[in-house]
C-alpha cells in the first residue's frame, strides 16, 4: 500500500506511486544458464547504445 511505500521510499510522490502501484513489470531472463547466458547483457548493451563494436562480437559482423 501507499503507507508502506512511503516508509520504504520517502520521496515517493503521488504520480510515482501510481506508476509503481499500477505499472507493468517486465522481467528479462537469459535463455541459457552460466557463461552462455551472459551474452544477454552484451545484446542489451548494444540495443541501448552503451556498447558499440568489439572485434570478438559476432553480432557486430556484417555479411560480405
N, C-alpha and C. Protein backbone atom coordinates (compact mmCIF):
# COMPACT_ATOMS: atom_id res chain seq x y z
N UNK A 1 0.80 -1.19 0.00
CA UNK A 1 0.00 0.00 0.00
C UNK A 1 0.85 1.26 0.00
N UNK A 2 0.18 2.38 -0.11
CA UNK A 2 0.86 3.67 -0.17
C UNK A 2 1.66 3.96 1.10
N UNK A 3 1.11 3.63 2.26
CA UNK A 3 1.82 3.89 3.52
C UNK A 3 3.12 3.10 3.60
N UNK A 4 3.08 1.83 3.18
CA UNK A 4 4.30 1.01 3.18
C UNK A 4 5.34 1.56 2.21
N UNK A 5 4.88 1.97 1.03
CA UNK A 5 5.81 2.53 0.05
C UNK A 5 6.40 3.84 0.53
N UNK A 6 5.61 4.64 1.24
CA UNK A 6 6.11 5.91 1.77
C UNK A 6 7.21 5.68 2.79
N UNK A 7 7.12 4.60 3.55
CA UNK A 7 8.17 4.27 4.53
C UNK A 7 9.43 3.80 3.80
N UNK A 8 9.25 2.96 2.78
CA UNK A 8 10.40 2.42 2.06
C UNK A 8 11.06 3.47 1.18
N UNK A 9 10.27 4.34 0.54
CA UNK A 9 10.76 5.37 -0.36
C UNK A 9 10.19 6.72 0.07
N UNK A 10 10.90 7.45 0.96
CA UNK A 10 10.38 8.71 1.49
C UNK A 10 10.05 9.76 0.43
N UNK A 11 10.72 9.78 -0.70
CA UNK A 11 10.49 10.79 -1.73
C UNK A 11 9.42 10.42 -2.73
N UNK A 12 8.66 9.38 -2.46
CA UNK A 12 7.65 8.90 -3.41
C UNK A 12 6.45 9.83 -3.45
N UNK A 13 6.25 10.50 -4.60
CA UNK A 13 5.09 11.38 -4.72
C UNK A 13 3.92 10.61 -5.33
N UNK A 14 2.77 11.24 -5.42
CA UNK A 14 1.55 10.57 -5.87
C UNK A 14 1.68 9.99 -7.29
N UNK A 15 2.27 10.75 -8.20
CA UNK A 15 2.43 10.29 -9.57
C UNK A 15 3.31 9.06 -9.67
N UNK A 16 4.42 9.08 -8.95
CA UNK A 16 5.32 7.94 -8.97
C UNK A 16 4.68 6.74 -8.29
N UNK A 17 3.94 6.99 -7.21
CA UNK A 17 3.22 5.89 -6.55
C UNK A 17 2.28 5.21 -7.53
N UNK A 18 1.54 5.98 -8.31
CA UNK A 18 0.62 5.40 -9.28
C UNK A 18 1.35 4.53 -10.30
N UNK A 19 2.53 4.98 -10.73
CA UNK A 19 3.31 4.20 -11.69
C UNK A 19 3.79 2.89 -11.07
N UNK A 20 4.25 2.96 -9.82
CA UNK A 20 4.74 1.75 -9.15
C UNK A 20 3.59 0.80 -8.84
N UNK A 21 2.51 1.34 -8.30
CA UNK A 21 1.38 0.50 -7.88
C UNK A 21 0.60 -0.09 -9.04
N UNK A 22 0.51 0.63 -10.15
CA UNK A 22 -0.35 0.19 -11.25
C UNK A 22 0.42 -0.06 -12.55
N UNK A 23 1.73 -0.06 -12.47
CA UNK A 23 2.55 -0.22 -13.67
C UNK A 23 2.65 -1.67 -14.12
N UNK A 24 3.30 -1.86 -15.23
CA UNK A 24 3.55 -3.19 -15.77
C UNK A 24 4.99 -3.57 -15.47
N UNK A 25 5.19 -4.75 -14.97
CA UNK A 25 6.52 -5.23 -14.64
C UNK A 25 7.02 -6.14 -15.75
N UNK A 26 8.27 -5.95 -16.13
CA UNK A 26 8.87 -6.74 -17.19
C UNK A 26 10.10 -7.43 -16.62
N UNK A 27 10.22 -8.71 -16.88
CA UNK A 27 11.40 -9.47 -16.48
C UNK A 27 12.17 -9.85 -17.73
N UNK A 28 13.47 -9.61 -17.69
CA UNK A 28 14.34 -10.01 -18.79
C UNK A 28 15.19 -11.17 -18.28
N UNK A 29 15.07 -12.31 -18.92
CA UNK A 29 15.71 -13.52 -18.44
C UNK A 29 16.63 -14.08 -19.52
N UNK A 30 17.84 -14.42 -19.13
CA UNK A 30 18.76 -15.05 -20.07
C UNK A 30 18.25 -16.45 -20.39
N UNK A 31 18.22 -16.83 -21.67
CA UNK A 31 17.68 -18.14 -22.03
C UNK A 31 18.60 -19.30 -21.70
N UNK A 32 19.85 -19.01 -21.36
CA UNK A 32 20.81 -20.07 -21.07
C UNK A 32 21.46 -19.81 -19.72
N UNK A 33 21.81 -20.87 -19.05
CA UNK A 33 22.44 -20.77 -17.74
C UNK A 33 23.94 -20.61 -17.88
N UNK A 34 24.58 -19.97 -16.94
CA UNK A 34 26.04 -19.86 -16.89
C UNK A 34 26.60 -18.82 -17.84
N UNK A 35 27.83 -19.03 -18.28
CA UNK A 35 28.50 -18.03 -19.12
C UNK A 35 27.82 -17.82 -20.46
N UNK A 36 27.15 -18.87 -20.97
CA UNK A 36 26.44 -18.71 -22.24
C UNK A 36 25.32 -17.69 -22.10
N UNK A 37 24.69 -17.63 -20.94
CA UNK A 37 23.62 -16.68 -20.68
C UNK A 37 24.09 -15.26 -20.52
N UNK A 38 25.38 -15.07 -20.33
CA UNK A 38 25.91 -13.72 -20.16
C UNK A 38 25.88 -12.92 -21.47
N UNK A 39 25.64 -13.58 -22.58
CA UNK A 39 25.51 -12.87 -23.86
C UNK A 39 24.33 -11.90 -23.84
N UNK A 40 23.34 -12.20 -23.00
CA UNK A 40 22.16 -11.34 -22.89
C UNK A 40 22.58 -9.90 -22.58
N UNK A 41 23.54 -9.71 -21.68
CA UNK A 41 23.94 -8.36 -21.28
C UNK A 41 24.65 -7.64 -22.41
N UNK A 42 25.41 -8.38 -23.22
CA UNK A 42 26.06 -7.77 -24.39
C UNK A 42 25.00 -7.28 -25.36
N UNK A 43 24.00 -8.12 -25.63
CA UNK A 43 22.93 -7.75 -26.56
C UNK A 43 22.18 -6.53 -26.04
N UNK A 44 21.86 -6.51 -24.74
CA UNK A 44 21.16 -5.36 -24.17
C UNK A 44 22.00 -4.09 -24.25
N UNK A 45 23.31 -4.22 -24.05
CA UNK A 45 24.19 -3.06 -24.19
C UNK A 45 24.17 -2.51 -25.60
N UNK A 46 24.16 -3.39 -26.60
CA UNK A 46 24.09 -2.93 -27.99
C UNK A 46 22.75 -2.27 -28.27
N UNK A 47 21.67 -2.86 -27.76
CA UNK A 47 20.34 -2.29 -28.01
C UNK A 47 20.17 -0.91 -27.39
N UNK A 48 20.79 -0.70 -26.23
CA UNK A 48 20.66 0.59 -25.55
C UNK A 48 21.71 1.60 -25.99
N UNK A 49 22.71 1.15 -26.77
CA UNK A 49 23.75 2.06 -27.24
C UNK A 49 24.91 2.21 -26.27
N UNK A 50 24.92 1.43 -25.19
CA UNK A 50 26.02 1.51 -24.23
C UNK A 50 27.30 0.88 -24.77
N UNK A 51 27.16 -0.01 -25.73
CA UNK A 51 28.31 -0.69 -26.29
C UNK A 51 28.23 -0.57 -27.80
N UNK A 52 29.34 -0.37 -28.43
CA UNK A 52 29.37 -0.27 -29.90
C UNK A 52 29.85 -1.59 -30.47
N UNK A 53 31.01 -1.64 -31.08
CA UNK A 53 31.51 -2.87 -31.68
C UNK A 53 32.71 -3.37 -30.93
N UNK A 54 32.83 -4.69 -30.91
CA UNK A 54 34.00 -5.34 -30.35
C UNK A 54 34.49 -6.35 -31.37
N UNK A 55 35.81 -6.54 -31.50
CA UNK A 55 36.33 -7.44 -32.52
C UNK A 55 35.82 -8.88 -32.39
N UNK A 56 35.62 -9.36 -31.17
CA UNK A 56 35.19 -10.75 -30.98
C UNK A 56 33.67 -10.89 -30.84
N UNK A 57 32.93 -9.86 -31.21
CA UNK A 57 31.48 -9.89 -31.08
C UNK A 57 30.83 -10.32 -32.38
N UNK A 58 30.19 -11.50 -32.41
CA UNK A 58 29.58 -11.97 -33.67
C UNK A 58 28.41 -11.12 -34.12
N UNK A 59 27.79 -10.37 -33.22
CA UNK A 59 26.65 -9.52 -33.56
C UNK A 59 27.11 -8.30 -34.37
N UNK A 60 28.38 -7.94 -34.25
CA UNK A 60 28.88 -6.73 -34.91
C UNK A 60 29.35 -6.99 -36.34
N UNK A 61 29.50 -8.23 -36.71
CA UNK A 61 30.00 -8.56 -38.05
C UNK A 61 28.91 -8.36 -39.10
N UNK A 62 29.34 -7.91 -40.25
CA UNK A 62 28.40 -7.76 -41.37
C UNK A 62 28.72 -8.79 -42.44
N UNK A 63 27.73 -9.19 -43.18
CA UNK A 63 27.94 -10.18 -44.24
C UNK A 63 28.68 -9.56 -45.41
N UNK A 64 29.52 -10.36 -46.03
CA UNK A 64 30.16 -9.93 -47.24
C UNK A 64 31.47 -9.34 -46.98
